């Protein structure tokens, strides 16, 4: 049976975090989706987990994997675009746990030729370490409880306001008037738009810019419009040490902008300079 959307989850090891995500997926208010695991070379624990959980869920799971040869996330994301069985794609990372209405918010608010851009709450290390599967099953993880608020006051957890969800469009517009921007861990888009720009640029071989800023720039070049889903599509980001954007990624992006390159050459298809 064909589903309405494909949820693409980029993972690299951290199977414990994936357990949290799947518990959150079991309780989604919107049920008509498939899951594609974009596995950038994890060890066997991810595969073993998926085989164990597959009989327990009502949605189909694709597990796409390639050998670990360094950061090749964009290559794997392109494989997932090609493998998706639906025309609408939602992207999250394997360290992000979705709110109960996360998928519904992405699908119900989608716009033709649009990119829906969500935000994320950043959990600190202590809050992440205290999280349990029961917290996910009960929905407790979605609430701004006292320990989380105190953690935010200490400037440990951050962006706590992005845990708020309001269904009123008018209210959301009043609260957020900044330009929408893509976070690679929380956005959705029509599959055909990504195919138009030849997907993710595989020249990026380190985290940062290539999974979001580059994609946003190239989509806007073909006339796509970015829309914010702030105060909807709530996503809770689990702790890991911060990564930094390297100079190589910055140089690649500067070249893309200088050439106004909407269609990357090293993407889903491998194109010559004349194509």
Protein backbone atom coordinates (compact mmCIF):
# COMPACT_ATOMS: atom_id res chain seq x y z
CA UNK A 1 0.00 0.00 0.00
CA UNK A 2 1.40 3.37 -1.01
CA UNK A 3 1.80 5.83 1.86
CA UNK A 4 1.31 9.62 1.95
CA UNK A 5 4.81 10.65 3.03
CA UNK A 6 8.29 9.32 3.59
CA UNK A 7 10.16 10.11 6.81
CA UNK A 8 13.91 10.00 6.15
CA UNK A 9 16.03 9.56 9.30
CA UNK A 10 19.77 10.16 8.92
CA UNK A 11 21.67 7.92 11.35
CA UNK A 12 25.20 7.00 12.32
CA UNK A 13 25.33 4.52 15.20
CA UNK A 14 23.58 5.90 18.38
CA UNK A 15 21.02 3.09 18.35
CA UNK A 16 19.79 4.20 21.80
CA UNK A 17 18.56 7.47 20.31
CA UNK A 18 16.85 5.58 17.48
CA UNK A 19 14.90 3.62 20.09
CA UNK A 20 13.50 6.92 21.38
CA UNK A 21 12.56 7.98 17.85
CA UNK A 22 10.69 4.77 17.11
CA UNK A 23 8.71 5.01 20.34
CA UNK A 24 7.71 8.52 19.24
CA UNK A 25 6.77 7.26 15.78
CA UNK A 26 4.48 4.61 17.25
CA UNK A 27 2.37 7.39 18.81
CA UNK A 28 2.16 9.74 15.82
CA UNK A 29 -1.35 11.12 15.27
CA UNK A 30 -0.79 10.74 11.51
CA UNK A 31 -0.27 7.08 10.61
CA UNK A 32 0.08 6.92 6.82
CA UNK A 33 3.85 7.10 6.39
CA UNK A 34 6.91 5.03 5.60
CA UNK A 35 10.29 5.30 7.31
CA UNK A 36 13.60 5.26 5.48
CA UNK A 37 16.73 4.89 7.59
CA UNK A 38 19.61 6.75 5.91
CA UNK A 39 22.50 4.86 7.49
CA UNK A 40 25.91 6.39 6.81
CA UNK A 41 27.94 3.33 7.75
CA UNK A 42 26.76 2.34 11.24
CA UNK A 43 27.79 -0.88 12.90
CA UNK A 44 25.48 -3.92 13.13
CA UNK A 45 23.49 -2.61 16.12
CA UNK A 46 21.27 -0.41 13.92
CA UNK A 47 20.36 -3.30 11.60
CA UNK A 48 19.69 -5.58 14.57
CA UNK A 49 17.43 -2.97 16.16
CA UNK A 50 15.43 -2.46 12.96
CA UNK A 51 14.90 -6.20 12.51
CA UNK A 52 13.72 -6.41 16.11
CA UNK A 53 11.33 -3.45 15.89
CA UNK A 54 9.92 -4.10 12.40
CA UNK A 55 7.20 -6.55 13.60
CA UNK A 56 6.15 -4.10 16.31
CA UNK A 57 5.17 -1.17 14.07
CA UNK A 58 2.42 -0.49 11.54
CA UNK A 59 4.58 1.43 9.07
CA UNK A 60 7.03 0.05 6.52
CA UNK A 61 10.76 0.53 7.14
CA UNK A 62 13.51 0.72 4.56
CA UNK A 63 17.05 0.46 5.89
CA UNK A 64 19.59 1.84 3.41
CA UNK A 65 23.24 1.39 4.39
CA UNK A 66 26.65 1.86 2.89
CA UNK A 67 30.14 1.20 4.19
CA UNK A 68 31.69 3.69 6.59
CA UNK A 69 34.17 5.69 4.52
CA UNK A 70 33.89 8.94 6.43
CA UNK A 71 31.07 11.48 6.27
CA UNK A 72 28.91 10.58 3.27
CA UNK A 73 25.55 11.62 4.63
CA UNK A 74 24.55 13.49 1.46
CA UNK A 75 25.24 10.43 -0.68
CA UNK A 76 22.98 8.36 1.54
CA UNK A 77 20.25 11.02 1.54
CA UNK A 78 20.28 10.95 -2.26
CA UNK A 79 19.81 7.18 -2.18
CA UNK A 80 16.82 7.71 0.09
CA UNK A 81 15.26 10.25 -2.27
CA UNK A 82 15.48 7.71 -5.06
CA UNK A 83 14.11 4.92 -2.87
CA UNK A 84 11.18 6.89 -1.43
CA UNK A 85 7.80 5.42 -2.37
CA UNK A 86 5.92 8.71 -1.91
CA UNK A 87 6.05 12.19 -3.38
CA UNK A 88 6.52 14.05 -0.09
CA UNK A 89 9.66 13.78 2.04
CA UNK A 90 10.26 14.76 5.68
CA UNK A 91 13.84 14.84 6.97
CA UNK A 92 15.07 14.42 10.55
CA UNK A 93 18.35 13.33 12.12
CA UNK A 94 18.83 10.24 14.26
CA UNK A 95 19.27 12.32 17.41
CA UNK A 96 15.90 14.10 17.16
CA UNK A 97 12.64 12.89 18.73
CA UNK A 98 9.40 14.08 17.09
CA UNK A 99 6.32 15.40 18.88
CA UNK A 100 3.11 13.38 18.53
CA UNK A 101 1.78 15.72 15.80
CA UNK A 102 5.11 16.18 14.02
CA UNK A 103 4.27 14.36 10.80
CA UNK A 104 0.71 15.69 10.71
CA UNK A 105 2.00 19.25 11.02
CA UNK A 106 4.41 18.79 8.13
CA UNK A 107 1.85 17.20 5.83
CA UNK A 108 -1.17 19.34 6.71
CA UNK A 109 0.72 22.61 6.28
CA UNK A 110 2.62 21.75 3.08
CA UNK A 111 2.33 24.16 0.17
CA UNK A 112 2.88 23.66 -3.56
CA UNK A 113 6.46 24.53 -4.49
CA UNK A 114 7.17 25.08 -0.79
CA UNK A 115 9.74 23.94 1.74
CA UNK A 116 8.39 23.57 5.27
CA UNK A 117 11.04 24.55 7.82
CA UNK A 118 10.75 23.41 11.43
CA UNK A 119 12.88 24.25 14.46
CA UNK A 120 14.25 22.20 17.35
CA UNK A 121 14.64 22.24 21.11
CA UNK A 122 18.17 21.41 22.25
CA UNK A 123 18.30 19.11 25.27
CA UNK A 124 21.37 19.30 27.48
CA UNK A 125 23.46 16.28 28.41
CA UNK A 126 21.78 15.84 31.85
CA UNK A 127 18.25 16.10 30.40
CA UNK A 128 19.15 13.67 27.60
CA UNK A 129 20.71 11.18 30.02
CA UNK A 130 17.61 11.31 32.25
CA UNK A 131 15.24 10.60 29.34
CA UNK A 132 13.53 7.20 29.36
CA UNK A 133 11.40 5.21 26.95
CA UNK A 134 8.47 5.68 29.34
CA UNK A 135 8.91 9.45 28.97
CA UNK A 136 8.43 8.99 25.22
CA UNK A 137 5.48 6.61 25.48
CA UNK A 138 3.65 8.88 27.92
CA UNK A 139 4.38 12.11 26.03
CA UNK A 140 6.12 13.56 29.07
CA UNK A 141 9.14 14.45 26.91
CA UNK A 142 6.98 16.95 24.99
CA UNK A 143 6.16 19.11 28.01
CA UNK A 144 8.06 22.06 29.42
CA UNK A 145 8.39 20.43 32.83
CA UNK A 146 10.18 21.96 35.81
CA UNK A 147 13.53 20.13 35.38
CA UNK A 148 13.70 21.25 31.75
CA UNK A 149 12.78 24.84 32.59
CA UNK A 150 15.42 24.97 35.34
CA UNK A 151 17.93 23.49 32.92
CA UNK A 152 17.09 26.22 30.43
CA UNK A 153 17.52 28.92 33.08
CA UNK A 154 21.05 27.57 33.60
CA UNK A 155 21.64 28.00 29.82
CA UNK A 156 22.16 24.25 29.42
CA UNK A 157 19.13 23.22 27.37
CA UNK A 158 18.25 25.85 24.76
CA UNK A 159 15.50 27.04 22.41
CA UNK A 160 12.86 25.88 24.87
CA UNK A 161 10.30 28.20 23.27
CA UNK A 162 10.38 25.89 20.26
CA UNK A 163 8.69 23.22 22.37
CA UNK A 164 5.50 25.31 22.24
CA UNK A 165 2.88 24.26 19.68
CA UNK A 166 -0.02 26.45 18.58
CA UNK A 167 -2.55 25.43 15.94
CA UNK A 168 -3.65 29.04 15.35
CA UNK A 169 -1.83 30.38 12.30
CA UNK A 170 -2.57 33.96 13.35
CA UNK A 171 -0.98 33.39 16.74
CA UNK A 172 2.09 31.76 15.22
CA UNK A 173 2.56 34.65 12.80
CA UNK A 174 2.37 37.13 15.69
CA UNK A 175 5.04 35.21 17.59
CA UNK A 176 7.42 34.60 14.69
CA UNK A 177 8.05 37.12 11.90
CA UNK A 178 11.59 36.18 10.92
CA UNK A 179 12.48 34.67 7.57
CA UNK A 180 12.12 30.90 7.43
CA UNK A 181 15.33 28.91 7.17
CA UNK A 182 16.06 25.22 6.80
CA UNK A 183 17.46 23.07 9.55
CA UNK A 184 18.64 19.80 8.05
CA UNK A 185 17.12 17.91 10.98
CA UNK A 186 13.58 19.26 10.50
CA UNK A 187 12.24 20.11 7.06
CA UNK A 188 9.96 18.70 4.39
CA UNK A 189 9.65 19.15 0.65
CA UNK A 190 8.16 17.57 -2.45
CA UNK A 191 10.35 14.83 -3.87
CA UNK A 192 10.14 16.37 -7.35
CA UNK A 193 11.71 19.62 -6.14
CA UNK A 194 14.76 17.78 -4.80
CA UNK A 195 14.98 15.82 -8.03
CA UNK A 196 14.87 19.12 -9.96
CA UNK A 197 18.03 20.36 -8.20
CA UNK A 198 19.65 16.89 -8.42
CA UNK A 199 19.36 16.30 -4.69
CA UNK A 200 22.04 16.88 -2.08
CA UNK A 201 25.51 17.96 -3.15
CA UNK A 202 27.89 15.08 -2.44
CA UNK A 203 30.92 17.38 -2.64
CA UNK A 204 30.23 18.12 1.05
CA UNK A 205 32.08 15.46 3.03
CA UNK A 206 31.77 16.94 6.50
CA UNK A 207 28.75 18.09 8.53
CA UNK A 208 27.29 21.56 8.17
CA UNK A 209 25.97 23.69 5.27
CA UNK A 210 25.60 20.85 2.77
CA UNK A 211 22.46 19.35 4.32
CA UNK A 212 20.54 22.58 4.79
CA UNK A 213 22.02 25.95 3.75
CA UNK A 214 23.11 24.64 0.35
CA UNK A 215 19.76 22.91 -0.25
CA UNK A 216 17.80 26.02 0.75
CA UNK A 217 19.83 28.26 -1.58
CA UNK A 218 19.47 25.97 -4.57
CA UNK A 219 15.74 25.39 -4.01
CA UNK A 220 15.14 29.13 -3.84
CA UNK A 221 17.04 29.55 -7.12
CA UNK A 222 14.42 27.40 -8.87
CA UNK A 223 11.59 29.40 -7.32
CA UNK A 224 10.73 27.31 -4.27
CA UNK A 225 9.60 29.28 -1.22
CA UNK A 226 10.57 28.58 2.39
CA UNK A 227 7.78 28.56 5.01
CA UNK A 228 8.31 28.39 8.75
CA UNK A 229 6.76 25.67 10.91
CA UNK A 230 7.92 27.28 14.12
CA UNK A 231 5.46 26.50 16.93
CA UNK A 232 4.38 23.46 14.93
CA UNK A 233 6.27 20.27 13.99
CA UNK A 234 8.02 20.28 17.38
CA UNK A 235 11.29 18.33 17.51
CA UNK A 236 13.46 17.55 20.53
CA UNK A 237 17.18 17.35 19.79
CA UNK A 238 19.16 15.01 22.05
CA UNK A 239 22.59 15.99 23.28
CA UNK A 240 25.85 15.35 21.48
CA UNK A 241 29.06 17.40 21.36
CA UNK A 242 28.71 20.34 19.01
CA UNK A 243 30.13 20.00 15.50
CA UNK A 244 31.74 22.86 13.64
CA UNK A 245 31.57 23.78 9.98
CA UNK A 246 34.96 23.35 8.30
CA UNK A 247 36.60 25.69 5.83
CA UNK A 248 36.20 23.18 3.00
CA UNK A 249 32.41 23.27 3.30
CA UNK A 250 32.46 27.06 3.35
CA UNK A 251 34.52 27.14 0.15
CA UNK A 252 32.18 24.72 -1.61
CA UNK A 253 29.17 26.82 -0.68
CA UNK A 254 30.88 30.04 -1.75
CA UNK A 255 31.46 28.47 -5.16
CA UNK A 256 27.82 27.38 -5.43
CA UNK A 257 26.67 30.93 -4.67
CA UNK A 258 29.20 32.52 -7.00
CA UNK A 259 28.07 30.28 -9.87
CA UNK A 260 24.37 30.44 -8.92
CA UNK A 261 24.38 26.67 -9.18
CA UNK A 262 20.82 25.41 -8.68
CA UNK A 263 21.54 21.94 -10.05
CA UNK A 264 24.54 20.34 -8.36
CA UNK A 265 26.77 18.21 -10.56
CA UNK A 266 27.64 15.64 -7.91
CA UNK A 267 24.18 14.70 -6.72
CA UNK A 268 21.58 12.05 -7.48
CA UNK A 269 22.97 11.96 -11.00
CA UNK A 270 26.62 12.54 -11.83
CA UNK A 271 26.62 15.35 -14.39
CA UNK A 272 29.36 16.86 -16.51
CA UNK A 273 29.85 20.62 -16.64
CA UNK A 274 27.96 20.71 -19.95
CA UNK A 275 24.80 18.99 -18.71
